[in-house]
PDB file of all heavy atoms in Angstrom:
ATOM      1  N   ASN A   1      66.490 102.337  82.604  1.00  0.00           N
ATOM      2  CA  ASN A   1      67.020 101.026  82.967  1.00  0.00           C
ATOM      3  C   ASN A   1      66.021 100.033  82.616  1.00  0.00           C
ATOM      4  O   ASN A   1      66.281  98.875  82.166  1.00  0.00           O
ATOM      5  CB  ASN A   1      67.352 100.916  84.484  1.00  0.00           C
ATOM      6  CG  ASN A   1      68.469 101.810  84.942  1.00  0.00           C
ATOM      7  OD1 ASN A   1      68.282 102.539  85.931  1.00  0.00           O
ATOM      8  ND2 ASN A   1      69.513 101.673  84.239  1.00  0.00           N
ATOM      9  N   GLU A   2      64.689 100.221  82.990  1.00  0.00           N
ATOM     10  CA  GLU A   2      63.634  99.300  82.766  1.00  0.00           C
ATOM     11  C   GLU A   2      63.390  98.999  81.271  1.00  0.00           C
ATOM     12  O   GLU A   2      62.960  97.870  80.943  1.00  0.00           O
ATOM     13  CB  GLU A   2      62.468  99.869  83.529  1.00  0.00           C
ATOM     14  CG  GLU A   2      62.387  99.808  84.876  1.00  0.00           C
ATOM     15  CD  GLU A   2      61.428 100.890  85.601  1.00  0.00           C
ATOM     16  OE1 GLU A   2      60.586 101.465  84.928  1.00  0.00           O
ATOM     17  OE2 GLU A   2      61.573 101.068  86.839  1.00  0.00           O
ATOM     18  N   ASP A   3      63.820  99.947  80.369  1.00  0.00           N
ATOM     19  CA  ASP A   3      63.624  99.827  78.959  1.00  0.00           C
ATOM     20  C   ASP A   3      65.008  99.413  78.330  1.00  0.00           C
ATOM     21  O   ASP A   3      65.120  99.397  77.094  1.00  0.00           O
ATOM     22  CB  ASP A   3      63.125 101.163  78.458  1.00  0.00           C
ATOM     23  CG  ASP A   3      62.515 101.028  77.070  1.00  0.00           C
ATOM     24  OD1 ASP A   3      61.884  99.866  76.795  1.00  0.00           O
ATOM     25  OD2 ASP A   3      62.494 102.104  76.148  1.00  0.00           O
ATOM     26  N   ARG A   4      65.992  99.169  79.227  1.00  0.00           N
ATOM     27  CA  ARG A   4      67.314  98.723  78.734  1.00  0.00           C
ATOM     28  C   ARG A   4      67.978  99.629  77.850  1.00  0.00           C
ATOM     29  O   ARG A   4      68.680  99.237  76.881  1.00  0.00           O
ATOM     30  CB  ARG A   4      67.186  97.356  78.186  1.00  0.00           C
ATOM     31  CG  ARG A   4      66.552  96.193  79.098  1.00  0.00           C
ATOM     32  CD  ARG A   4      66.481  94.936  78.659  1.00  0.00           C
ATOM     33  NE  ARG A   4      67.885  94.264  78.335  1.00  0.00           N
ATOM     34  CZ  ARG A   4      68.677  93.682  79.270  1.00  0.00           C
ATOM     35  NH1 ARG A   4      68.255  93.673  80.542  1.00  0.00           N
ATOM     36  NH2 ARG A   4      69.771  93.185  78.957  1.00  0.00           N
ATOM     37  N   ARG A   5      67.867 100.850  78.118  1.00  0.00           N
ATOM     38  CA  ARG A   5      68.528 101.963  77.288  1.00  0.00           C
ATOM     39  C   ARG A   5      69.855 102.365  78.010  1.00  0.00           C
ATOM     40  O   ARG A   5      69.820 102.474  79.252  1.00  0.00           O
ATOM     41  CB  ARG A   5      67.563 103.166  77.169  1.00  0.00           C
ATOM     42  CG  ARG A   5      66.437 102.853  76.293  1.00  0.00           C
ATOM     43  CD  ARG A   5      65.543 104.131  75.973  1.00  0.00           C
ATOM     44  NE  ARG A   5      64.384 103.736  75.300  1.00  0.00           N
ATOM     45  CZ  ARG A   5      64.367 103.545  73.960  1.00  0.00           C
ATOM     46  NH1 ARG A   5      65.449 103.775  73.258  1.00  0.00           N
ATOM     47  NH2 ARG A   5      63.211 103.193  73.342  1.00  0.00           N
ATOM     48  N   LEU A   6      70.758 102.715  77.257  1.00  0.00           N
ATOM     49  CA  LEU A   6      72.085 103.386  77.841  1.00  0.00           C
ATOM     50  C   LEU A   6      71.809 104.750  78.315  1.00  0.00           C
ATOM     51  O   LEU A   6      71.321 105.538  77.530  1.00  0.00           O
ATOM     52  CB  LEU A   6      73.169 103.320  76.717  1.00  0.00           C
ATOM     53  CG  LEU A   6      73.495 101.934  76.207  1.00  0.00           C
ATOM     54  CD1 LEU A   6      74.410 102.147  74.914  1.00  0.00           C
ATOM     55  CD2 LEU A   6      74.222 101.062  77.208  1.00  0.00           C
ATOM     56  N   GLN A   7      72.111 104.921  79.653  1.00  0.00           N
ATOM     57  CA  GLN A   7      71.844 106.282  80.141  1.00  0.00           C
ATOM     58  C   GLN A   7      73.027 107.238  80.083  1.00  0.00           C
ATOM     59  O   GLN A   7      72.877 108.437  79.710  1.00  0.00           O
ATOM     60  CB  GLN A   7      71.364 106.210  81.596  1.00  0.00           C
ATOM     61  CG  GLN A   7      70.016 105.719  81.619  1.00  0.00           C
ATOM     62  CD  GLN A   7      69.476 105.571  83.031  1.00  0.00           C
ATOM     63  OE1 GLN A   7      68.473 106.184  83.495  1.00  0.00           O
ATOM     64  NE2 GLN A   7      70.065 104.571  83.906  1.00  0.00           N
ATOM     65  N   GLY A   8      74.237 106.837  80.595  1.00  0.00           N
ATOM     66  CA  GLY A   8      75.322 107.601  80.533  1.00  0.00           C
ATOM     67  C   GLY A   8      75.118 108.843  81.451  1.00  0.00           C
ATOM     68  O   GLY A   8      74.585 108.774  82.636  1.00  0.00           O
ATOM     69  N   ARG A   9      75.272 110.027  80.693  1.00  0.00           N
ATOM     70  CA  ARG A   9      75.158 111.307  81.423  1.00  0.00           C
ATOM     71  C   ARG A   9      73.720 111.712  81.427  1.00  0.00           C
ATOM     72  O   ARG A   9      73.490 112.975  81.986  1.00  0.00           O
ATOM     73  CB  ARG A   9      76.116 112.410  80.843  1.00  0.00           C
ATOM     74  CG  ARG A   9      77.505 111.962  80.874  1.00  0.00           C
ATOM     75  CD  ARG A   9      78.203 112.010  82.219  1.00  0.00           C
ATOM     76  NE  ARG A   9      79.563 111.463  82.291  1.00  0.00           N
ATOM     77  CZ  ARG A   9      80.609 112.237  81.927  1.00  0.00           C
ATOM     78  NH1 ARG A   9      80.566 113.497  81.564  1.00  0.00           N
ATOM     79  NH2 ARG A   9      81.821 111.618  82.019  1.00  0.00           N
ATOM     80  N   ALA A  10      72.872 111.123  80.680  1.00  0.00           N
ATOM     81  CA  ALA A  10      71.442 111.614  80.682  1.00  0.00           C
ATOM     82  C   ALA A  10      70.957 111.720  82.096  1.00  0.00           C
ATOM     83  O   ALA A  10      71.029 110.668  82.791  1.00  0.00           O
ATOM     84  CB  ALA A  10      70.544 110.767  79.880  1.00  0.00           C
ATOM     85  N   ASP A  11      70.263 112.773  82.440  1.00  0.00           N
ATOM     86  CA  ASP A  11      69.962 112.843  83.972  1.00  0.00           C
ATOM     87  C   ASP A  11      68.666 112.349  84.197  1.00  0.00           C
ATOM     88  O   ASP A  11      67.707 113.194  84.447  1.00  0.00           O
ATOM     89  CB  ASP A  11      70.174 114.316  84.346  1.00  0.00           C
ATOM     90  CG  ASP A  11      70.457 114.489  85.902  1.00  0.00           C
ATOM     91  OD1 ASP A  11      70.491 113.440  86.598  1.00  0.00           O
ATOM     92  OD2 ASP A  11      70.566 115.629  86.297  1.00  0.00           O
ATOM     93  N   ARG A  12      68.360 111.107  84.164  1.00  0.00           N
ATOM     94  CA  ARG A  12      67.063 110.539  84.402  1.00  0.00           C
ATOM     95  C   ARG A  12      66.843 110.336  85.919  1.00  0.00           C
ATOM     96  O   ARG A  12      67.648 109.879  86.558  1.00  0.00           O
ATOM     97  CB  ARG A  12      67.036 109.164  83.705  1.00  0.00           C
ATOM     98  CG  ARG A  12      67.380 109.057  82.183  1.00  0.00           C
ATOM     99  CD  ARG A  12      66.435 109.941  81.374  1.00  0.00           C
ATOM    100  NE  ARG A  12      65.101 109.442  81.445  1.00  0.00           N
ATOM    101  CZ  ARG A  12      64.070 109.873  80.762  1.00  0.00           C
ATOM    102  NH1 ARG A  12      64.367 111.050  80.073  1.00  0.00           N
ATOM    103  NH2 ARG A  12      62.899 109.450  80.904  1.00  0.00           N
ATOM    104  N   PRO A  13      65.619 110.740  86.460  1.00  0.00           N
ATOM    105  CA  PRO A  13      65.283 110.411  87.929  1.00  0.00           C
ATOM    106  C   PRO A  13      64.908 108.983  87.950  1.00  0.00           C
ATOM    107  O   PRO A  13      64.698 108.271  86.943  1.00  0.00           O
ATOM    108  CB  PRO A  13      64.152 111.314  88.074  1.00  0.00           C
ATOM    109  CG  PRO A  13      63.459 111.398  86.638  1.00  0.00           C
ATOM    110  CD  PRO A  13      64.581 111.405  85.656  1.00  0.00           C
ATOM    111  N   LEU A  14      64.855 108.548  89.141  1.00  0.00           N
ATOM    112  CA  LEU A  14      64.338 107.248  89.436  1.00  0.00           C
ATOM    113  C   LEU A  14      62.953 107.056  88.961  1.00  0.00           C
ATOM    114  O   LEU A  14      62.153 108.124  89.063  1.00  0.00           O
ATOM    115  CB  LEU A  14      64.265 106.891  91.027  1.00  0.00           C
ATOM    116  CG  LEU A  14      65.675 106.780  91.682  1.00  0.00           C
ATOM    117  CD1 LEU A  14      65.552 106.593  93.172  1.00  0.00           C
ATOM    118  CD2 LEU A  14      66.600 105.882  91.002  1.00  0.00           C
ATOM    119  N   SER A  15      62.594 105.935  88.608  1.00  0.00           N
ATOM    120  CA  SER A  15      61.072 105.737  88.036  1.00  0.00           C
ATOM    121  C   SER A  15      60.308 105.478  89.385  1.00  0.00           C
ATOM    122  O   SER A  15      60.856 105.260  90.497  1.00  0.00           O
ATOM    123  CB  SER A  15      61.071 104.542  87.215  1.00  0.00           C
ATOM    124  OG  SER A  15      61.444 103.304  87.924  1.00  0.00           O
ATOM    125  N   ALA A  16      58.999 105.357  89.255  1.00  0.00           N
ATOM    126  CA  ALA A  16      58.109 105.034  90.416  1.00  0.00           C
ATOM    127  C   ALA A  16      58.561 103.671  90.933  1.00  0.00           C
ATOM    128  O   ALA A  16      58.636 103.479  92.240  1.00  0.00           O
ATOM    129  CB  ALA A  16      56.683 105.243  89.977  1.00  0.00           C
ATOM    130  N   ALA A  17      58.751 102.773  90.038  1.00  0.00           N
ATOM    131  CA  ALA A  17      59.177 101.460  90.435  1.00  0.00           C
ATOM    132  C   ALA A  17      60.478 101.435  91.198  1.00  0.00           C
ATOM    133  O   ALA A  17      60.756 100.663  92.129  1.00  0.00           O
ATOM    134  CB  ALA A  17      59.063 100.454  89.308  1.00  0.00           C
ATOM    135  N   GLY A  18      61.371 102.332  90.639  1.00  0.00           N
ATOM    136  CA  GLY A  18      62.755 102.423  91.124  1.00  0.00           C
ATOM    137  C   GLY A  18      62.649 103.018  92.689  1.00  0.00           C
ATOM    138  O   GLY A  18      63.432 102.554  93.555  1.00  0.00           O
ATOM    139  N   ARG A  19      61.703 103.975  92.916  1.00  0.00           N
ATOM    140  CA  ARG A  19      61.669 104.567  94.140  1.00  0.00           C
ATOM    141  C   ARG A  19      61.149 103.420  95.131  1.00  0.00           C
ATOM    142  O   ARG A  19      61.627 103.385  96.303  1.00  0.00           O
ATOM    143  CB  ARG A  19      60.704 105.727  94.104  1.00  0.00           C
ATOM    144  CG  ARG A  19      61.351 106.926  93.662  1.00  0.00           C
ATOM    145  CD  ARG A  19      60.412 108.215  93.635  1.00  0.00           C
ATOM    146  NE  ARG A  19      60.890 109.144  92.671  1.00  0.00           N
ATOM    147  CZ  ARG A  19      60.419 109.250  91.485  1.00  0.00           C
ATOM    148  NH1 ARG A  19      59.451 108.562  91.090  1.00  0.00           N
ATOM    149  NH2 ARG A  19      60.890 110.163  90.611  1.00  0.00           N
ATOM    150  N   ARG A  20      60.250 102.613  94.717  1.00  0.00           N
ATOM    151  CA  ARG A  20      59.601 101.629  95.485  1.00  0.00           C
ATOM    152  C   ARG A  20      60.680 100.584  95.813  1.00  0.00           C
ATOM    153  O   ARG A  20      60.772 100.022  96.930  1.00  0.00           O
ATOM    154  CB  ARG A  20      58.435 100.912  94.865  1.00  0.00           C
ATOM    155  CG  ARG A  20      57.153 101.732  94.875  1.00  0.00           C
ATOM    156  CD  ARG A  20      55.975 101.009  94.404  1.00  0.00           C
ATOM    157  NE  ARG A  20      56.015 100.441  93.062  1.00  0.00           N
ATOM    158  CZ  ARG A  20      55.658 101.044  91.934  1.00  0.00           C
ATOM    159  NH1 ARG A  20      55.229 102.344  92.003  1.00  0.00           N
ATOM    160  NH2 ARG A  20      55.878 100.453  90.770  1.00  0.00           N
ATOM    161  N   ALA A  21      61.598 100.259  94.849  1.00  0.00           N
ATOM    162  CA  ALA A  21      62.604  99.285  95.108  1.00  0.00           C
ATOM    163  C   ALA A  21      63.616  99.740  96.086  1.00  0.00           C
ATOM    164  O   ALA A  21      63.983  99.054  97.174  1.00  0.00           O
ATOM    165  CB  ALA A  21      63.316  98.962  93.805  1.00  0.00           C
ATOM    166  N   VAL A  22      63.986 101.181  95.883  1.00  0.00           N
ATOM    167  CA  VAL A  22      65.045 101.634  97.030  1.00  0.00           C
ATOM    168  C   VAL A  22      64.463 101.680  98.218  1.00  0.00           C
ATOM    169  O   VAL A  22      65.097 101.578  99.339  1.00  0.00           O
ATOM    170  CB  VAL A  22      65.443 102.960  96.398  1.00  0.00           C
ATOM    171  CG1 VAL A  22      66.433 103.735  97.399  1.00  0.00           C
ATOM    172  CG2 VAL A  22      66.299 102.806  94.969  1.00  0.00           C
ATOM    173  N   ALA A  23      63.059 101.963  98.433  1.00  0.00           N
ATOM    174  CA  ALA A  23      62.489 102.093  99.728  1.00  0.00           C
ATOM    175  C   ALA A  23      62.545 100.772 100.439  1.00  0.00           C
ATOM    176  O   ALA A  23      62.524 100.677 101.663  1.00  0.00           O
ATOM    177  CB  ALA A  23      61.002 102.469  99.583  1.00  0.00           C
ATOM    178  N   ARG A  24      62.873  99.634  99.746  1.00  0.00           N
ATOM    179  CA  ARG A  24      62.871  98.280 100.470  1.00  0.00           C
ATOM    180  C   ARG A  24      64.320  97.996 100.851  1.00  0.00           C
ATOM    181  O   ARG A  24      64.636  97.006 101.485  1.00  0.00           O
ATOM    182  CB  ARG A  24      62.431  97.188  99.467  1.00  0.00           C
ATOM    183  CG  ARG A  24      60.876  97.241  99.249  1.00  0.00           C
ATOM    184  CD  ARG A  24      60.596  96.020  98.593  1.00  0.00           C
ATOM    185  NE  ARG A  24      60.940  95.643  97.250  1.00  0.00           N
ATOM    186  CZ  ARG A  24      60.594  96.222  96.096  1.00  0.00           C
ATOM    187  NH1 ARG A  24      59.494  96.923  96.135  1.00  0.00           N
ATOM    188  NH2 ARG A  24      61.389  96.008  94.923  1.00  0.00           N
ATOM    189  N   TRP A  25      65.243  98.818 100.207  1.00  0.00           N
ATOM    190  CA  TRP A  25      66.838  98.534 100.532  1.00  0.00           C
ATOM    191  C   TRP A  25      67.100  99.054 101.910  1.00  0.00           C
ATOM    192  O   TRP A  25      66.635  99.909 102.381  1.00  0.00           O
ATOM    193  CB  TRP A  25      67.657  99.397  99.547  1.00  0.00           C
ATOM    194  CG  TRP A  25      67.472  98.906  98.028  1.00  0.00           C
ATOM    195  CD1 TRP A  25      66.791  97.851  97.606  1.00  0.00           C
ATOM    196  CD2 TRP A  25      68.129  99.475  96.976  1.00  0.00           C
ATOM    197  NE1 TRP A  25      66.930  97.822  96.252  1.00  0.00           N
ATOM    198  CE2 TRP A  25      67.795  98.849  95.782  1.00  0.00           C
ATOM    199  CE3 TRP A  25      69.064 100.483  96.762  1.00  0.00           C
ATOM    200  CZ2 TRP A  25      68.248  99.091  94.506  1.00  0.00           C
ATOM    201  CZ3 TRP A  25      69.592 100.874  95.552  1.00  0.00           C
ATOM    202  CH2 TRP A  25      69.091 100.189  94.467  1.00  0.00           C
ATOM    203  N   SER A  26      68.102  98.401 102.466  1.00  0.00           N
ATOM    204  CA  SER A  26      68.619  98.684 103.717  1.00  0.00           C
ATOM    205  C   SER A  26      70.134  98.439 103.784  1.00  0.00           C
ATOM    206  O   SER A  26      70.577  97.406 103.418  1.00  0.00           O
ATOM    207  CB  SER A  26      67.822  97.825 104.810  1.00  0.00           C
ATOM    208  OG  SER A  26      68.397  98.073 105.992  1.00  0.00           O
ATOM    209  N   LEU A  27      70.816  99.408 104.423  1.00  0.00           N
ATOM    210  CA  LEU A  27      72.262  99.280 104.665  1.00  0.00           C
ATOM    211  C   LEU A  27      72.433  98.964 106.177  1.00  0.00           C
ATOM    212  O   LEU A  27      71.699  99.490 106.991  1.00  0.00           O
ATOM    213  CB  LEU A  27      73.028 100.535 104.254  1.00  0.00           C
ATOM    214  CG  LEU A  27      73.243 100.818 102.819  1.00  0.00           C
ATOM    215  CD1 LEU A  27      73.671 102.256 102.587  1.00  0.00           C
ATOM    216  CD2 LEU A  27      74.319  99.844 102.149  1.00  0.00           C
ATOM    217  N   PRO A  28      73.415  98.178 106.547  1.00  0.00           N
ATOM    218  CA  PRO A  28      73.714  97.921 107.918  1.00  0.00           C
ATOM    219  C   PRO A  28      73.939  99.317 108.661  1.00  0.00           C
ATOM    220  O   PRO A  28      74.593 100.234 108.080  1.00  0.00           O
ATOM    221  CB  PRO A  28      75.116  97.134 107.924  1.00  0.00           C
ATOM    222  CG  PRO A  28      75.090  96.389 106.586  1.00  0.00           C
ATOM    223  CD  PRO A  28      74.439  97.307 105.641  1.00  0.00           C
ATOM    224  N   GLY A  29      73.388  99.564 109.763  1.00  0.00           N
ATOM    225  CA  GLY A  29      73.257 100.786 110.359  1.00  0.00           C
ATOM    226  C   GLY A  29      74.623 101.430 110.698  1.00  0.00           C
ATOM    227  O   GLY A  29      74.632 102.681 110.445  1.00  0.00           O
ATOM    228  N   ALA A  30      75.636 100.704 110.816  1.00  0.00           N
ATOM    229  CA  ALA A  30      76.937 101.400 111.183  1.00  0.00           C
ATOM    230  C   ALA A  30      77.361 102.250 109.857  1.00  0.00           C
ATOM    231  O   ALA A  30      78.125 103.134 109.961  1.00  0.00           O
ATOM    232  CB  ALA A  30      78.042 100.333 111.548  1.00  0.00           C
ATOM    233  N   LEU A  31      77.063 101.724 108.742  1.00  0.00           N
ATOM    234  CA  LEU A  31      77.436 102.393 107.398  1.00  0.00           C
ATOM    235  C   LEU A  31      76.963 103.833 107.355  1.00  0.00           C
ATOM    236  O   LEU A  31      77.434 104.537 106.635  1.00  0.00           O
ATOM    237  CB  LEU A  31      77.049 101.565 106.286  1.00  0.00           C
ATOM    238  CG  LEU A  31      77.578 100.166 106.140  1.00  0.00           C
ATOM    239  CD1 LEU A  31      77.185  99.492 104.862  1.00  0.00           C
ATOM    240  CD2 LEU A  31      79.168 100.130 106.209  1.00  0.00           C
ATOM    241  N   HIS A  32      75.816 104.042 108.071  1.00  0.00           N
ATOM    242  CA  HIS A  32      75.198 105.352 107.880  1.00  0.00           C
ATOM    243  C   HIS A  32      76.070 106.468 108.529  1.00  0.00           C
ATOM    244  O   HIS A  32      75.927 107.568 108.291  1.00  0.00           O
ATOM    245  CB  HIS A  32      73.831 105.405 108.625  1.00  0.00           C
ATOM    246  CG  HIS A  32      72.750 104.741 107.673  1.00  0.00           C
ATOM    247  ND1 HIS A  32      71.990 105.249 106.848  1.00  0.00           N
ATOM    248  CD2 HIS A  32      72.398 103.412 107.556  1.00  0.00           C
ATOM    249  CE1 HIS A  32      71.123 104.506 106.245  1.00  0.00           C
ATOM    250  NE2 HIS A  32      71.416 103.288 106.604  1.00  0.00           N
ATOM    251  N   THR A  33      76.940 106.040 109.374  1.00  0.00           N
ATOM    252  CA  THR A  33      77.872 106.984 110.121  1.00  0.00           C
ATOM    253  C   THR A  33      79.083 107.489 109.226  1.00  0.00           C
ATOM    254  O   THR A  33      79.855 108.177 109.568  1.00  0.00           O
ATOM    255  CB  THR A  33      78.414 106.470 111.452  1.00  0.00           C
ATOM    256  OG1 THR A  33      79.083 105.373 111.231  1.00  0.00           O
ATOM    257  CG2 THR A  33      77.066 106.163 112.352  1.00  0.00           C
ATOM    258  N   TRP A  34      79.298 106.629 108.238  1.00  0.00           N
ATOM    259  CA  TRP A  34      80.493 106.808 107.289  1.00  0.00           C
ATOM    260  C   TRP A  34      80.220 108.196 106.514  1.00  0.00           C
ATOM    261  O   TRP A  34      79.246 108.638 106.416  1.00  0.00           O
ATOM    262  CB  TRP A  34      80.567 105.688 106.338  1.00  0.00           C
ATOM    263  CG  TRP A  34      81.124 104.408 107.002  1.00  0.00           C
ATOM    264  CD1 TRP A  34      81.020 104.081 108.307  1.00  0.00           C
ATOM    265  CD2 TRP A  34      81.516 103.213 106.408  1.00  0.00           C
ATOM    266  NE1 TRP A  34      81.486 102.788 108.428  1.00  0.00           N
ATOM    267  CE2 TRP A  34      81.783 102.349 107.362  1.00  0.00           C
ATOM    268  CE3 TRP A  34      81.874 102.951 104.989  1.00  0.00           C
ATOM    269  CZ2 TRP A  34      82.400 101.058 106.993  1.00  0.00           C
ATOM    270  CZ3 TRP A  34      82.331 101.678 104.673  1.00  0.00           C
ATOM    271  CH2 TRP A  34      82.624 100.778 105.757  1.00  0.00           C
ATOM    272  N   ARG A  35      81.238 108.648 105.898  1.00  0.00           N
ATOM    273  CA  ARG A  35      81.246 109.764 105.021  1.00  0.00           C
ATOM    274  C   ARG A  35      80.781 109.290 103.591  1.00  0.00           C
ATOM    275  O   ARG A  35      81.385 108.380 102.956  1.00  0.00           O
ATOM    276  CB  ARG A  35      82.680 110.447 104.904  1.00  0.00           C
ATOM    277  CG  ARG A  35      82.515 111.632 103.950  1.00  0.00           C
ATOM    278  CD  ARG A  35      83.862 112.380 104.162  1.00  0.00           C
ATOM    279  NE  ARG A  35      83.650 113.567 103.342  1.00  0.00           N
ATOM    280  CZ  ARG A  35      84.470 114.563 103.293  1.00  0.00           C
ATOM    281  NH1 ARG A  35      85.545 114.625 104.061  1.00  0.00           N
ATOM    282  NH2 ARG A  35      84.229 115.725 102.625  1.00  0.00           N
ATOM    283  N   TRP A  36      79.706 109.836 103.128  1.00  0.00           N
ATOM    284  CA  TRP A  36      79.036 109.269 101.907  1.00  0.00           C
ATOM    285  C   TRP A  36      79.065 110.263 100.800  1.00  0.00           C
ATOM    286  O   TRP A  36      79.109 111.559 100.950  1.00  0.00           O
ATOM    287  CB  TRP A  36      77.484 109.010 102.106  1.00  0.00           C
ATOM    288  CG  TRP A  36      77.450 107.696 102.746  1.00  0.00           C
ATOM    289  CD1 TRP A  36      77.537 107.392 104.029  1.00  0.00           C
ATOM    290  CD2 TRP A  36      77.272 106.489 102.129  1.00  0.00           C
ATOM    291  NE1 TRP A  36      77.454 106.035 104.347  1.00  0.00           N
ATOM    292  CE2 TRP A  36      77.277 105.358 103.086  1.00  0.00           C
ATOM    293  CE3 TRP A  36      77.306 106.092 100.826  1.00  0.00           C
ATOM    294  CZ2 TRP A  36      77.155 104.051 102.839  1.00  0.00           C
ATOM    295  CZ3 TRP A  36      77.073 104.745 100.384  1.00  0.00           C
ATOM    296  CH2 TRP A  36      77.103 103.634 101.410  1.00  0.00           C
ATOM    297  N   HIS A  37      79.253 109.811  99.672  1.00  0.00           N
ATOM    298  CA  HIS A  37      79.476 110.609  98.239  1.00  0.00           C
ATOM    299  C   HIS A  37      78.438 110.048  97.197  1.00  0.00           C
ATOM    300  O   HIS A  37      78.026 108.976  97.443  1.00  0.00           O
ATOM    301  CB  HIS A  37      80.881 110.518  97.813  1.00  0.00           C
ATOM    302  CG  HIS A  37      81.923 110.794  98.747  1.00  0.00           C
ATOM    303  ND1 HIS A  37      82.378 112.141  98.848  1.00  0.00           N
ATOM    304  CD2 HIS A  37      82.508 110.110  99.673  1.00  0.00           C
ATOM    305  CE1 HIS A  37      83.370 112.061  99.825  1.00  0.00           C
ATOM    306  NE2 HIS A  37      83.442 110.895 100.418  1.00  0.00           N
ATOM    307  N   SER A  38      78.099 110.859  96.361  1.00  0.00           N
ATOM    308  CA  SER A  38      77.197 110.309  95.304  1.00  0.00           C
ATOM    309  C   SER A  38      77.558 110.977  93.883  1.00  0.00           C
ATOM    310  O   SER A  38      78.283 112.039  93.889  1.00  0.00           O
ATOM    311  CB  SER A  38      75.740 110.638  95.572  1.00  0.00           C
ATOM    312  OG  SER A  38      75.398 111.947  95.238  1.00  0.00           O
ATOM    313  N   SER A  39      77.136 110.312  92.858  1.00  0.00           N
ATOM    314  CA  SER A  39      77.301 111.020  91.522  1.00  0.00           C
ATOM    315  C   SER A  39      76.346 112.283  91.650  1.00  0.00           C
ATOM    316  O   SER A  39      75.463 112.265  92.313  1.00  0.00           O
ATOM    317  CB  SER A  39      76.746 110.034  90.508  1.00  0.00           C
ATOM    318  OG  SER A  39      76.427 110.703  89.340  1.00  0.00           O
ATOM    319  N   PRO A  40      76.637 113.266  90.953  1.00  0.00           N
ATOM    320  CA  PRO A  40      75.721 114.444  90.873  1.00  0.00           C
ATOM    321  C   PRO A  40      74.445 114.275  90.110  1.00  0.00           C
ATOM    322  O   PRO A  40      73.686 115.087  90.127  1.00  0.00           O
ATOM    323  CB  PRO A  40      76.609 115.553  90.226  1.00  0.00           C
ATOM    324  CG  PRO A  40      77.589 114.732  89.431  1.00  0.00           C
ATOM    325  CD  PRO A  40      77.937 113.539  90.079  1.00  0.00           C
TER     326      PRO A  40
END
């Protein structure tokens, strides 16, 4: 993402900067009780 490359199905992990960014993210508390899904 940082290098602006198309990823598609390439199974790239988060970068160190990506992990730091997500660590700053926050969802409203009530959403944590919902049923969650993710891409594999």
